[in-house]
Protein backbone atom coordinates (compact mmCIF):
# COMPACT_ATOMS: atom_id res chain seq x y z
CA MET A 1 6.44 16.34 35.24
CA ARG A 2 9.88 16.11 34.37
CA GLN A 3 9.25 13.40 31.60
CA ASP A 4 6.62 15.54 30.07
CA LEU A 5 8.50 18.78 29.63
CA TYR A 6 11.21 16.84 28.10
CA GLN A 7 8.47 15.17 25.47
CA TYR A 8 7.13 18.55 25.17
CA GLU A 9 10.45 20.35 24.24
CA ARG A 10 10.92 17.30 21.69
CA TYR A 11 7.80 17.73 19.89
CA LYS A 12 8.39 21.67 20.02
CA ALA A 13 11.69 20.95 18.34
CA ARG A 14 10.61 18.87 15.77
CA LEU A 15 6.94 20.46 15.07
CA GLY A 16 7.68 24.02 15.80
CA ASP A 17 4.62 26.26 15.46
CA ASP A 18 2.66 23.52 14.89
CA ALA A 19 3.03 21.88 18.56
CA PRO A 20 0.91 23.40 21.52
CA ARG A 21 2.49 26.97 22.20
CA SER A 22 3.00 26.37 25.65
CA PHE A 23 3.78 23.60 28.07
CA ARG A 24 0.65 23.83 30.05
CA ALA A 25 -1.32 23.10 26.66
CA PHE A 26 0.83 20.20 26.01
CA ARG A 27 0.10 18.58 29.42
CA GLN A 28 -3.79 19.58 29.03
CA LEU A 29 -3.89 18.04 25.81
CA LYS A 30 -2.15 14.85 26.36
CA LYS A 31 -4.09 14.31 29.92
CA THR A 32 -7.26 14.92 27.61
CA GLY A 33 -6.04 12.32 24.68
CA GLY A 34 -8.56 11.78 22.00
CA GLU A 35 -8.23 12.56 18.32
CA ALA A 36 -6.33 15.97 19.16
CA TRP A 37 -3.79 13.93 20.80
CA GLY A 38 -3.46 10.88 18.41
CA ILE A 39 -2.90 13.68 15.51
CA LEU A 40 -0.50 15.45 17.58
CA GLU A 41 1.60 12.13 18.31
CA ALA A 42 1.06 10.97 14.54
CA GLN A 43 2.75 14.53 13.26
CA HIS A 44 5.45 14.09 15.44
CA LYS A 45 6.56 10.62 14.49
CA GLY A 46 5.75 11.86 10.73
CA MET A 47 8.35 14.38 11.08
CA GLY A 48 11.05 11.69 11.50
CA TYR A 49 9.79 10.34 7.72
CA TYR A 50 9.65 14.07 6.75
CA GLU A 51 13.30 14.46 7.65
CA LYS A 52 14.80 11.19 6.22
CA ALA A 53 13.18 11.80 3.02
CA LEU A 54 14.71 15.61 3.03
CA LYS A 55 18.28 13.42 3.34
CA ASN A 56 17.27 11.04 0.84
CA GLU A 57 16.26 14.00 -1.82
CA PRO A 58 19.45 14.52 -3.69
CA ALA A 59 20.26 11.18 -4.63
CA ILE A 60 16.85 10.34 -5.60
CA THR A 61 16.61 13.70 -7.80
CA LYS A 62 19.65 13.11 -9.60
CA THR A 63 18.67 9.12 -10.45
CA VAL A 64 15.06 10.94 -11.79
CA VAL A 65 17.08 13.15 -13.93
CA ASP A 66 19.42 10.73 -15.10
CA VAL A 67 16.59 8.39 -16.09
CA ALA A 68 14.93 11.15 -17.90
CA GLU A 69 17.84 11.87 -19.93
CA LYS A 70 18.08 8.14 -20.83
CA VAL A 71 14.50 7.64 -21.65
CA GLY A 72 14.65 10.77 -23.57
CA THR A 73 11.61 12.74 -21.47
CA GLU A 74 11.58 15.95 -19.80
CA PRO A 75 11.41 16.19 -16.12
CA ALA A 76 8.84 19.13 -14.82
CA GLY A 77 8.29 21.10 -11.65
CA LEU A 78 11.51 20.29 -10.09
CA GLU A 79 11.07 22.84 -7.67
CA PHE A 80 8.03 21.49 -6.22
CA ARG A 81 9.71 18.16 -5.93
CA ILE A 82 9.29 18.42 -2.09
CA LYS A 83 6.11 18.76 -0.24
CA SER A 84 5.90 21.62 2.11
CA LYS A 85 6.16 20.61 5.72
CA GLU A 86 2.82 22.75 6.19
CA SER A 87 0.95 20.49 3.28
CA TYR A 88 2.43 17.09 4.88
CA LEU A 89 1.28 17.90 8.64
CA ARG A 90 -2.14 18.97 7.30
CA LYS A 91 -2.37 15.61 5.20
CA ILE A 92 -1.50 13.75 8.48
CA LYS A 93 -4.10 15.44 9.88
CA SER A 94 -6.70 14.72 7.44
CA ASN A 95 -5.56 11.08 6.96
CA TYR A 96 -5.81 10.49 10.72
CA ARG A 97 -6.82 6.83 11.48
CA PRO A 98 -6.19 5.58 15.36
CA ASP A 99 -5.10 2.13 14.04
CA GLY A 100 -3.63 3.37 10.96
CA ASN A 101 0.06 4.70 9.72
CA GLU A 102 -1.45 8.01 8.79
CA TYR A 103 2.20 9.45 8.96
CA GLU A 104 3.53 7.19 6.14
CA ILE A 105 2.69 9.81 3.23
CA LYS A 106 4.25 8.47 0.08
CA ASP A 107 4.43 12.02 -1.94
CA ILE A 108 7.02 13.81 0.57
CA LEU A 109 9.15 13.68 -2.74
CA ARG A 110 7.23 14.01 -5.64
CA TYR A 111 8.36 14.10 -9.36
CA THR A 112 6.87 14.36 -12.96
CA TYR A 113 8.02 13.51 -16.57
CA ILE A 114 6.42 15.18 -19.20
CA SER A 115 6.05 13.73 -23.04
CA PRO A 116 3.53 14.51 -25.95
CA PRO A 117 0.44 12.47 -26.47
CA GLU A 118 2.00 10.76 -28.99
CA THR A 119 4.95 9.05 -26.96
CA LEU A 120 3.66 9.23 -23.25
CA THR A 121 2.66 5.47 -22.92
CA GLY A 122 6.06 4.45 -24.37
CA LYS A 123 8.10 6.72 -22.43
CA THR A 124 5.94 5.71 -19.34
CA ILE A 125 6.79 1.96 -19.77
CA LYS A 126 10.43 2.25 -20.43
CA SER A 127 10.91 4.65 -17.86
CA ILE A 128 9.67 2.19 -15.29
CA ASP A 129 11.96 -0.36 -16.80
CA GLU A 130 15.02 1.91 -16.65
CA PHE A 131 13.96 2.72 -12.72
CA ASP A 132 13.69 -1.01 -12.32
CA LYS A 133 17.20 -1.70 -13.80
CA MET A 134 18.63 0.81 -11.26
CA GLY A 135 17.18 -1.05 -8.21
CA TYR A 136 14.16 1.67 -8.16
CA ASN A 137 11.08 -1.00 -7.96
CA THR A 138 7.64 0.94 -8.96
CA ILE A 139 5.34 -0.63 -6.55
CA GLY A 140 2.06 1.08 -7.63
CA VAL A 141 0.58 2.57 -10.75
CA LYS A 142 -2.58 4.36 -11.15
CA ASN A 143 -3.67 5.28 -14.54
CA SER A 144 -6.36 7.70 -14.67
CA TRP A 145 -6.60 8.30 -18.41
CA LEU A 146 -8.86 5.01 -17.90
CA ARG A 147 -11.43 6.07 -15.14
CA ASP A 148 -14.40 7.59 -16.66
CA TYR A 149 -15.50 8.33 -12.74
CA ASP A 150 -12.15 10.56 -12.14
CA PRO A 151 -11.64 14.38 -13.85
CA TYR A 152 -7.97 14.28 -13.03
CA ASN A 153 -6.10 12.95 -15.93
CA GLY A 154 -2.40 11.31 -15.30
CA ILE A 155 -0.18 8.48 -14.40
CA ASN A 156 0.57 8.39 -10.92
CA THR A 157 2.88 5.65 -9.62
CA ILE A 158 4.79 5.16 -6.15
CA ILE A 159 8.43 4.07 -6.34
CA THR A 160 10.56 2.66 -3.93
CA ALA A 161 14.54 3.74 -3.94
CA PRO A 162 17.12 0.89 -3.12
CA ASN A 163 17.60 2.41 0.52
CA GLY A 164 13.65 1.91 1.20
CA GLN A 165 12.48 5.82 0.54
CA LYS A 166 9.47 5.75 -1.46
CA PHE A 167 8.57 8.69 -3.81
CA GLU A 168 5.84 9.58 -6.25
CA MET A 169 6.34 9.79 -9.99
CA GLN A 170 3.62 11.37 -12.16
CA TYR A 171 3.82 10.85 -15.89
CA HIS A 172 1.64 13.69 -17.84
CA THR A 173 0.94 15.32 -21.37
CA PRO A 174 2.02 18.73 -21.39
CA GLU A 175 -1.72 19.68 -21.46
CA SER A 176 -2.62 17.71 -18.79
CA PHE A 177 0.20 18.92 -16.36
CA ALA A 178 -0.89 22.46 -17.24
CA LEU A 179 -4.28 21.94 -16.15
CA LYS A 180 -3.80 19.66 -13.12
CA ASN A 181 -1.74 22.49 -11.77
CA GLY A 182 -3.97 25.04 -12.84
CA ALA A 183 -7.45 25.24 -13.31
CA LEU A 184 -8.28 21.93 -12.26
CA HIS A 185 -6.31 22.17 -9.00
CA LYS A 186 -8.00 25.43 -8.18
CA LEU A 187 -11.62 23.98 -8.25
CA TYR A 188 -10.11 20.75 -6.46
CA GLU A 189 -8.79 23.20 -3.65
CA LYS A 190 -12.13 24.78 -3.59
CA GLN A 191 -13.96 21.23 -3.39
CA ARG A 192 -12.32 19.40 -0.94
CA LEU A 193 -13.18 21.87 1.91
CA ILE A 194 -16.90 20.49 1.23
CA LYS A 195 -17.16 17.82 3.23
CA ASP A 196 -20.58 16.48 2.18
CA ASP A 197 -19.85 15.33 -1.51
CA GLU A 198 -23.73 15.38 -2.33
CA HIS A 199 -23.79 19.08 -1.51
CA PRO A 200 -24.95 21.37 -4.70
CA GLU A 201 -21.79 23.13 -4.77
CA TYR A 202 -19.75 19.92 -4.63
CA THR A 203 -21.65 18.76 -7.74
CA ARG A 204 -21.26 21.54 -9.62
CA LEU A 205 -17.14 21.79 -8.94
CA GLN A 206 -17.20 18.32 -10.10
CA LYS A 207 -19.03 18.90 -13.31
CA GLU A 208 -16.88 21.72 -13.98
CA MET A 209 -13.89 19.75 -13.46
CA PHE A 210 -15.16 16.94 -15.87
CA GLU A 211 -16.05 19.75 -18.57
CA LEU A 212 -12.29 20.94 -18.26
CA SER A 213 -10.82 17.37 -18.59
CA LYS A 214 -13.10 16.92 -21.73
CA GLY A 215 -10.75 18.97 -24.06
CA LEU A 216 -7.52 16.92 -23.40
CA GLU A 217 -6.23 14.75 -25.92
CA LYS A 218 -6.00 11.06 -24.78
CA PRO A 219 -2.31 9.35 -25.10
CA ASN A 220 -2.07 7.03 -27.93
CA ASN A 221 -1.92 3.14 -26.59
CA ILE A 222 -2.31 4.54 -22.76
CA GLU A 223 -4.72 1.33 -22.08
CA LYS A 224 -1.06 -0.38 -22.23
CA VAL A 225 -0.14 1.07 -18.75
CA LYS A 226 -1.74 -1.11 -16.57
CA ASP A 227 -2.73 -0.43 -13.13
CA LYS A 228 -0.63 -1.99 -10.08
CA LYS A 229 -1.53 -1.65 -6.16
């Protein structure tokens, strides 16, 4: 029992209100096992990654701002650069797989550069090169402007800092950024609650998102930004 109590205190210290409210509830959950216990373990382990990201954030943010100045692009939404603890734990839960690393979520830290449609492609490629020179390697690129099946339009990349910290960098036009954070996001939040992707309401929301995206101006030469997995 003493070992379980010590474990509960560690979980409570790291997870706060997201841990079971009582030691008795914790022991019962541990005894029962299954997915609920697996999610709790993943969330506890995940908070270690979260705390590490918070320590690495100041240096990464400085680099992001420095690269933007060199390239001549504009950082946007810096006040939202850190995913909230609540959102992070919720994502661990939704991504949970017994055999997966569901706690290794790469967008605890996330940033955005804004450029007009005429220069977005060039600024994106130049930014990736500048990051690389500084030891920040872009290990993943998803260019959603080229995906007809996706109502979201933007360039999402994953970067690994020299110390191993992964973070997300998005490249947007002013219009695509505003849409992503405005009407499109509201529709997405409604849609993600619908588990059945064949449900009429899911389909209706998907159609509405595509209609909104049709009005965006496609960036010049955007096909030059290639996907990278």
